[in-house]
Every structure is written in structure tokens, then in C-alpha cells.
Amino acid sequence: LAAVGAFLDDERVMVEPLCAVALAALYTRPELFRQHGSVVVVVCGGSLCSLDDVVAWRRRAERGSAATSDDDEPGHGHGES
């Protein structure tokens, strides 16, 4: 989830958590990639989640809860059915 927030801050593009796995490697271990002149990361997603979803996921992760509520599920409360 940290990579989702970092990419949103850096590039102003929302990605879903699963799509941010490659970004997480770049953000947490940049020294592994410095030897390469250029690195390309293909990112996708973000159309099925909102900033509210990311905030809810972070809150749930921070409290370590495996239980979910409708308020914490992606797409709830965003006009989707």
C-alpha cells in the first residue's frame, strides 16, 4: 500500500495494490536497479479503486484486522453496484 501512495504522490496516477508490487520493489530497493541505465515498469489498474478505498485498506492494514466491513471493501460507497 505504501507504493500505491508513493506513486500517487509522485506521478498523480492511481494504481491498485496488486499492480503496485513492481513499484514497491523500486521504492524499497532502488539500489538493485541503479546499475541499469533505464528501468521500465508497466503499471495498470486504478480504475476499480478510489482514494477512499486506499485509505480504508491502509487503516485496515494498520490495525491488522482480517475482518472486513462493507465500508472497507473496494467500490462500496462510490456509486457502483
Protein backbone atom coordinates (compact mmCIF):
# COMPACT_ATOMS: atom_id res chain seq x y z
CA LEU A 1 0.00 0.00 0.00
CA ALA A 2 2.93 2.33 0.56
CA ALA A 3 3.85 2.04 -3.12
CA VAL A 4 0.30 2.97 -4.12
CA GLY A 5 0.55 6.17 -2.09
CA ALA A 6 4.08 6.95 -3.22
CA PHE A 7 3.19 6.52 -6.90
CA LEU A 8 0.08 8.63 -6.45
CA ASP A 9 2.18 11.38 -4.86
CA ASP A 10 4.98 11.14 -7.43
CA GLU A 11 3.04 10.66 -10.66
CA ARG A 12 -0.54 11.62 -9.76
CA VAL A 13 -1.71 8.23 -11.07
CA MET A 14 -3.78 5.76 -9.04
CA VAL A 15 -2.82 2.10 -9.21
CA GLU A 16 -4.41 -0.83 -7.46
CA PRO A 17 -2.32 -2.55 -4.75
CA LEU A 18 -1.61 -5.67 -6.80
CA CYS A 19 -0.42 -3.51 -9.69
CA ALA A 20 1.94 -1.67 -7.33
CA VAL A 21 4.03 -4.74 -6.47
CA ALA A 22 6.69 -3.90 -9.07
CA LEU A 23 6.67 -0.30 -7.89
CA ALA A 24 7.20 -1.46 -4.32
CA ALA A 25 10.45 -3.14 -5.38
CA LEU A 26 11.65 0.10 -6.95
CA TYR A 27 10.65 2.23 -3.97
CA THR A 28 12.05 -0.08 -1.29
CA ARG A 29 15.20 -1.40 -3.02
CA PRO A 30 16.30 1.24 -5.55
CA GLU A 31 19.92 0.13 -5.22
CA LEU A 32 19.06 -3.06 -7.10
CA PHE A 33 18.11 -1.04 -10.16
CA ARG A 34 20.77 1.71 -10.22
CA GLN A 35 23.16 -0.36 -12.32
CA HIS A 36 20.69 -0.24 -15.19
CA GLY A 37 20.56 2.95 -17.24
CA SER A 38 16.80 2.85 -17.57
CA VAL A 39 14.14 0.72 -15.95
CA VAL A 40 10.65 0.32 -17.37
CA VAL A 41 7.77 -0.67 -15.13
CA VAL A 42 4.40 -1.33 -16.68
CA VAL A 43 1.66 -0.24 -14.31
CA CYS A 44 -2.05 -0.67 -14.78
CA GLY A 45 -5.17 -0.51 -12.74
CA GLY A 46 -6.68 2.15 -10.62
CA SER A 47 -10.00 2.28 -12.39
CA LEU A 48 -11.58 -0.06 -9.86
CA CYS A 49 -10.43 1.74 -6.74
CA SER A 50 -10.55 5.22 -5.34
CA LEU A 51 -8.53 7.22 -2.86
CA ASP A 52 -11.19 6.36 -0.27
CA ASP A 53 -10.55 2.66 -0.94
CA VAL A 54 -6.80 3.07 -0.46
CA VAL A 55 -7.33 4.97 2.79
CA ALA A 56 -9.67 2.24 4.05
CA TRP A 57 -7.19 -0.51 3.09
CA ARG A 58 -4.39 1.31 4.90
CA ARG A 59 -6.50 1.70 8.03
CA ARG A 60 -7.38 -1.97 7.95
CA ALA A 61 -3.73 -2.97 7.43
CA GLU A 62 -2.59 -0.69 10.25
CA ARG A 63 -4.96 -2.25 12.72
CA GLY A 64 -4.08 -5.74 11.47
CA SER A 65 -7.67 -6.79 11.10
CA ALA A 66 -8.56 -9.73 8.92
CA ALA A 67 -12.25 -8.93 9.34
CA THR A 68 -13.81 -6.69 6.74
CA SER A 69 -16.82 -4.47 6.70
CA ASP A 70 -18.73 -3.03 3.76
CA ASP A 71 -17.06 0.33 4.39
CA ASP A 72 -13.61 -1.21 3.84
CA GLU A 73 -14.43 -3.06 0.64
CA PRO A 74 -13.39 -1.52 -2.68
CA GLY A 75 -16.18 0.05 -4.65
CA HIS A 76 -18.58 0.48 -1.74
CA GLY A 77 -19.97 3.94 -1.38
CA HIS A 78 -18.74 5.08 -4.78
CA GLY A 79 -21.89 4.73 -6.81
CA GLU A 80 -21.02 1.26 -8.07
CA SER A 81 -23.38 -1.67 -7.88
